């Protein structure tokens, strides 16, 4: 699958990272029993993600796929830099009973960062989840643009007692 060109970059207040990726939706009706799971299915496929991290350009390869008998959408991120410095696995799911999304973010920094699970709500094409880390919260905003068929992921951080989310 060939990624489409970058459509736009969105600014984020107190941003730690901003990624914008494009790719193709690979959802089938049988794989998406609800609108909430269909939304996550839009992240399936091969992606090229570009953006900035702490003011420096970054580029990642991402692969989204349903795992654990469809219970989660896994998004695998790999740094494409000359000396790859980052790798992560995100597990996104919708809890129909609670009516919200959960996200587990596992990365190369190990178990300490994996203790916190994000929860969030979706409004239309935008899903906002919050990771309530003790040393400062992280807010991830996933947004699908139906016109360009592209996604953006904005990651914002808040230091303890520091910069509030925008």
C-alpha atoms as a PDB file:
ATOM      1  CA  UNK A   1       0.000   0.000   0.000  1.00  0.00           C
ATOM      2  CA  UNK A   2       1.483   3.380  -0.985  1.00  0.00           C
ATOM      3  CA  UNK A   3       0.978   6.235   1.473  1.00  0.00           C
ATOM      4  CA  UNK A   4      -0.583   9.423   0.146  1.00  0.00           C
ATOM      5  CA  UNK A   5       1.271  12.735   0.604  1.00  0.00           C
ATOM      6  CA  UNK A   6       1.086  14.650   3.838  1.00  0.00           C
ATOM      7  CA  UNK A   7      -2.070  16.757   3.848  1.00  0.00           C
ATOM      8  CA  UNK A   8      -1.595  19.183   6.715  1.00  0.00           C
ATOM      9  CA  UNK A   9       0.161  19.756   9.998  1.00  0.00           C
ATOM     10  CA  UNK A  10      -1.752  20.906  13.068  1.00  0.00           C
ATOM     11  CA  UNK A  11      -0.252  22.943  15.887  1.00  0.00           C
ATOM     12  CA  UNK A  12      -0.601  21.843  19.493  1.00  0.00           C
ATOM     13  CA  UNK A  13      -0.098  23.913  22.631  1.00  0.00           C
ATOM     14  CA  UNK A  14       2.697  22.447  24.805  1.00  0.00           C
ATOM     15  CA  UNK A  15       3.154  19.677  22.239  1.00  0.00           C
ATOM     16  CA  UNK A  16       5.626  16.898  22.808  1.00  0.00           C
ATOM     17  CA  UNK A  17       4.935  15.331  19.419  1.00  0.00           C
ATOM     18  CA  UNK A  18       2.799  15.781  16.355  1.00  0.00           C
ATOM     19  CA  UNK A  19       2.322  13.092  13.746  1.00  0.00           C
ATOM     20  CA  UNK A  20       0.253  13.249  10.610  1.00  0.00           C
ATOM     21  CA  UNK A  21      -0.096  10.094   8.572  1.00  0.00           C
ATOM     22  CA  UNK A  22      -2.044   8.981   5.572  1.00  0.00           C
ATOM     23  CA  UNK A  23      -3.143   5.559   4.514  1.00  0.00           C
ATOM     24  CA  UNK A  24      -6.052   3.487   3.312  1.00  0.00           C
ATOM     25  CA  UNK A  25      -8.982   2.233   5.305  1.00  0.00           C
ATOM     26  CA  UNK A  26      -9.125  -1.533   5.334  1.00  0.00           C
ATOM     27  CA  UNK A  27     -12.329  -2.047   7.304  1.00  0.00           C
ATOM     28  CA  UNK A  28     -14.955  -4.573   6.295  1.00  0.00           C
ATOM     29  CA  UNK A  29     -18.506  -4.509   7.610  1.00  0.00           C
ATOM     30  CA  UNK A  30     -18.002  -7.889   9.332  1.00  0.00           C
ATOM     31  CA  UNK A  31     -14.979  -6.509  11.227  1.00  0.00           C
ATOM     32  CA  UNK A  32     -16.784  -3.393  12.447  1.00  0.00           C
ATOM     33  CA  UNK A  33     -19.911  -4.341  14.427  1.00  0.00           C
ATOM     34  CA  UNK A  34     -20.314  -0.771  15.708  1.00  0.00           C
ATOM     35  CA  UNK A  35     -19.518   2.752  14.523  1.00  0.00           C
ATOM     36  CA  UNK A  36     -16.951   2.991  17.326  1.00  0.00           C
ATOM     37  CA  UNK A  37     -15.048  -0.075  16.134  1.00  0.00           C
ATOM     38  CA  UNK A  38     -15.406   1.042  12.516  1.00  0.00           C
ATOM     39  CA  UNK A  39     -13.679   4.274  13.523  1.00  0.00           C
ATOM     40  CA  UNK A  40     -10.671   2.328  14.862  1.00  0.00           C
ATOM     41  CA  UNK A  41     -10.662   0.088  11.784  1.00  0.00           C
ATOM     42  CA  UNK A  42      -9.806   3.176   9.747  1.00  0.00           C
ATOM     43  CA  UNK A  43      -6.290   2.972  11.238  1.00  0.00           C
ATOM     44  CA  UNK A  44      -5.664  -0.440   9.652  1.00  0.00           C
ATOM     45  CA  UNK A  45      -3.000  -0.710   6.978  1.00  0.00           C
ATOM     46  CA  UNK A  46       0.504   0.580   6.313  1.00  0.00           C
ATOM     47  CA  UNK A  47       1.205   4.194   7.177  1.00  0.00           C
ATOM     48  CA  UNK A  48       3.963   6.724   6.823  1.00  0.00           C
ATOM     49  CA  UNK A  49       3.862   9.189   9.698  1.00  0.00           C
ATOM     50  CA  UNK A  50       5.750  12.471   9.587  1.00  0.00           C
ATOM     51  CA  UNK A  51       5.792  15.413  11.954  1.00  0.00           C
ATOM     52  CA  UNK A  52       7.822  16.986  14.706  1.00  0.00           C
ATOM     53  CA  UNK A  53       9.022  15.864  18.109  1.00  0.00           C
ATOM     54  CA  UNK A  54      10.356  18.574  20.410  1.00  0.00           C
ATOM     55  CA  UNK A  55      10.765  20.812  17.357  1.00  0.00           C
ATOM     56  CA  UNK A  56      12.742  18.257  15.310  1.00  0.00           C
ATOM     57  CA  UNK A  57      11.409  16.424  12.239  1.00  0.00           C
ATOM     58  CA  UNK A  58      10.558  12.753  12.708  1.00  0.00           C
ATOM     59  CA  UNK A  59       9.403   9.999  10.387  1.00  0.00           C
ATOM     60  CA  UNK A  60       7.832   6.698  11.394  1.00  0.00           C
ATOM     61  CA  UNK A  61       6.482   3.630   9.686  1.00  0.00           C
ATOM     62  CA  UNK A  62       3.213   2.484  11.205  1.00  0.00           C
ATOM     63  CA  UNK A  63       1.175  -0.655  10.712  1.00  0.00           C
ATOM     64  CA  UNK A  64      -2.365  -0.914  12.028  1.00  0.00           C
ATOM     65  CA  UNK A  65      -4.156  -4.247  12.379  1.00  0.00           C
ATOM     66  CA  UNK A  66      -6.848  -5.944  14.403  1.00  0.00           C
ATOM     67  CA  UNK A  67      -5.459  -8.382  17.007  1.00  0.00           C
ATOM     68  CA  UNK A  68      -6.711 -10.633  19.797  1.00  0.00           C
ATOM     69  CA  UNK A  69      -9.688 -11.827  17.766  1.00  0.00           C
ATOM     70  CA  UNK A  70     -10.569  -8.248  16.855  1.00  0.00           C
ATOM     71  CA  UNK A  71     -10.689  -6.969  20.435  1.00  0.00           C
ATOM     72  CA  UNK A  72      -8.002  -4.345  19.830  1.00  0.00           C
ATOM     73  CA  UNK A  73      -6.576  -2.313  17.007  1.00  0.00           C
ATOM     74  CA  UNK A  74      -2.771  -2.539  17.296  1.00  0.00           C
ATOM     75  CA  UNK A  75      -0.736   0.313  15.844  1.00  0.00           C
ATOM     76  CA  UNK A  76       2.985  -0.491  15.630  1.00  0.00           C
ATOM     77  CA  UNK A  77       5.278   2.561  15.260  1.00  0.00           C
ATOM     78  CA  UNK A  78       8.913   2.312  14.127  1.00  0.00           C
ATOM     79  CA  UNK A  79      11.311   5.245  13.899  1.00  0.00           C
ATOM     80  CA  UNK A  80      12.749   5.522  10.361  1.00  0.00           C
ATOM     81  CA  UNK A  81      15.722   7.683  11.370  1.00  0.00           C
ATOM     82  CA  UNK A  82      19.300   6.729  10.452  1.00  0.00           C
ATOM     83  CA  UNK A  83      19.771   5.548  14.052  1.00  0.00           C
ATOM     84  CA  UNK A  84      16.250   4.452  15.084  1.00  0.00           C
ATOM     85  CA  UNK A  85      15.546   5.749  18.572  1.00  0.00           C
ATOM     86  CA  UNK A  86      11.918   4.838  19.132  1.00  0.00           C
ATOM     87  CA  UNK A  87       9.481   1.957  18.765  1.00  0.00           C
ATOM     88  CA  UNK A  88       5.999   1.606  20.235  1.00  0.00           C
ATOM     89  CA  UNK A  89       2.920  -0.601  20.190  1.00  0.00           C
ATOM     90  CA  UNK A  90      -0.445   1.039  20.814  1.00  0.00           C
ATOM     91  CA  UNK A  91      -3.500  -1.065  21.612  1.00  0.00           C
ATOM     92  CA  UNK A  92      -6.767   0.817  21.077  1.00  0.00           C
ATOM     93  CA  UNK A  93     -10.178  -0.583  21.932  1.00  0.00           C
ATOM     94  CA  UNK A  94     -13.767   0.460  22.527  1.00  0.00           C
ATOM     95  CA  UNK A  95     -15.552  -0.615  25.720  1.00  0.00           C
ATOM     96  CA  UNK A  96     -19.224  -0.769  24.731  1.00  0.00           C
ATOM     97  CA  UNK A  97     -20.390  -1.214  28.349  1.00  0.00           C
ATOM     98  CA  UNK A  98     -18.581   1.900  29.589  1.00  0.00           C
ATOM     99  CA  UNK A  99     -19.128   3.781  26.320  1.00  0.00           C
ATOM    100  CA  UNK A 100     -15.507   4.876  26.024  1.00  0.00           C
ATOM    101  CA  UNK A 101     -12.190   4.019  24.416  1.00  0.00           C
ATOM    102  CA  UNK A 102      -9.103   2.692  26.158  1.00  0.00           C
ATOM    103  CA  UNK A 103      -5.518   2.869  24.938  1.00  0.00           C
ATOM    104  CA  UNK A 104      -2.461   0.966  26.149  1.00  0.00           C
ATOM    105  CA  UNK A 105       0.838   2.537  24.981  1.00  0.00           C
ATOM    106  CA  UNK A 106       3.859   0.253  25.239  1.00  0.00           C
ATOM    107  CA  UNK A 107       7.230   1.489  24.057  1.00  0.00           C
ATOM    108  CA  UNK A 108      10.982   1.018  24.260  1.00  0.00           C
ATOM    109  CA  UNK A 109      11.116   2.804  27.625  1.00  0.00           C
ATOM    110  CA  UNK A 110       9.722  -0.294  29.364  1.00  0.00           C
ATOM    111  CA  UNK A 111       7.227  -1.254  32.006  1.00  0.00           C
ATOM    112  CA  UNK A 112       7.166   1.935  34.106  1.00  0.00           C
ATOM    113  CA  UNK A 113       5.391   3.887  31.374  1.00  0.00           C
ATOM    114  CA  UNK A 114       2.942   1.057  30.729  1.00  0.00           C
ATOM    115  CA  UNK A 115       1.293   1.312  34.171  1.00  0.00           C
ATOM    116  CA  UNK A 116      -1.150   3.964  33.001  1.00  0.00           C
ATOM    117  CA  UNK A 117      -4.069   3.259  30.673  1.00  0.00           C
ATOM    118  CA  UNK A 118      -5.720   6.079  28.756  1.00  0.00           C
ATOM    119  CA  UNK A 119      -9.466   6.524  28.492  1.00  0.00           C
ATOM    120  CA  UNK A 120     -11.370   8.819  26.227  1.00  0.00           C
ATOM    121  CA  UNK A 121     -14.401   9.710  24.192  1.00  0.00           C
ATOM    122  CA  UNK A 122     -15.020  10.225  20.513  1.00  0.00           C
ATOM    123  CA  UNK A 123     -16.986  13.072  19.010  1.00  0.00           C
ATOM    124  CA  UNK A 124     -17.544  12.608  15.304  1.00  0.00           C
ATOM    125  CA  UNK A 125     -14.169  12.004  13.660  1.00  0.00           C
ATOM    126  CA  UNK A 126     -12.118  13.090  16.709  1.00  0.00           C
ATOM    127  CA  UNK A 127     -11.057  10.796  19.563  1.00  0.00           C
ATOM    128  CA  UNK A 128      -9.400  12.367  22.616  1.00  0.00           C
ATOM    129  CA  UNK A 129      -7.774  10.100  25.233  1.00  0.00           C
ATOM    130  CA  UNK A 130      -5.973  11.063  28.415  1.00  0.00           C
ATOM    131  CA  UNK A 131      -3.046   9.214  30.025  1.00  0.00           C
ATOM    132  CA  UNK A 132      -3.068  10.437  33.682  1.00  0.00           C
ATOM    133  CA  UNK A 133       0.646   9.999  34.506  1.00  0.00           C
ATOM    134  CA  UNK A 134       1.570  11.227  37.999  1.00  0.00           C
ATOM    135  CA  UNK A 135       4.462  13.303  36.648  1.00  0.00           C
ATOM    136  CA  UNK A 136       2.202  14.992  34.069  1.00  0.00           C
ATOM    137  CA  UNK A 137      -0.708  13.944  31.895  1.00  0.00           C
ATOM    138  CA  UNK A 138      -0.535  13.154  28.192  1.00  0.00           C
ATOM    139  CA  UNK A 139      -3.447  13.840  25.862  1.00  0.00           C
ATOM    140  CA  UNK A 140      -3.637  12.095  22.485  1.00  0.00           C
ATOM    141  CA  UNK A 141      -6.022  13.378  19.836  1.00  0.00           C
ATOM    142  CA  UNK A 142      -6.708  11.090  16.882  1.00  0.00           C
ATOM    143  CA  UNK A 143      -8.663  12.689  14.051  1.00  0.00           C
ATOM    144  CA  UNK A 144      -9.815  11.367  10.692  1.00  0.00           C
ATOM    145  CA  UNK A 145     -10.370  13.739   7.766  1.00  0.00           C
ATOM    146  CA  UNK A 146     -12.881  12.060   5.424  1.00  0.00           C
ATOM    147  CA  UNK A 147     -12.156  14.455   2.534  1.00  0.00           C
ATOM    148  CA  UNK A 148      -8.426  13.655   2.362  1.00  0.00           C
ATOM    149  CA  UNK A 149      -8.864  10.193   3.931  1.00  0.00           C
ATOM    150  CA  UNK A 150      -5.967  11.005   6.256  1.00  0.00           C
ATOM    151  CA  UNK A 151      -5.393  10.812   9.987  1.00  0.00           C
ATOM    152  CA  UNK A 152      -3.611  13.068  12.437  1.00  0.00           C
ATOM    153  CA  UNK A 153      -2.294  12.219  15.880  1.00  0.00           C
ATOM    154  CA  UNK A 154      -1.410  15.056  18.221  1.00  0.00           C
ATOM    155  CA  UNK A 155       0.359  14.173  21.458  1.00  0.00           C
ATOM    156  CA  UNK A 156       0.370  16.860  24.146  1.00  0.00           C
ATOM    157  CA  UNK A 157       2.020  16.721  27.531  1.00  0.00           C
ATOM    158  CA  UNK A 158       1.498  18.510  30.777  1.00  0.00           C
ATOM    159  CA  UNK A 159       4.314  18.691  33.308  1.00  0.00           C
ATOM    160  CA  UNK A 160       3.202  18.379  36.919  1.00  0.00           C
ATOM    161  CA  UNK A 161       1.927  21.876  37.757  1.00  0.00           C
ATOM    162  CA  UNK A 162       3.029  23.007  34.289  1.00  0.00           C
ATOM    163  CA  UNK A 163       1.568  23.884  30.934  1.00  0.00           C
ATOM    164  CA  UNK A 164      -2.148  23.051  30.675  1.00  0.00           C
ATOM    165  CA  UNK A 165      -3.636  21.249  27.699  1.00  0.00           C
ATOM    166  CA  UNK A 166      -4.851  23.675  25.028  1.00  0.00           C
END
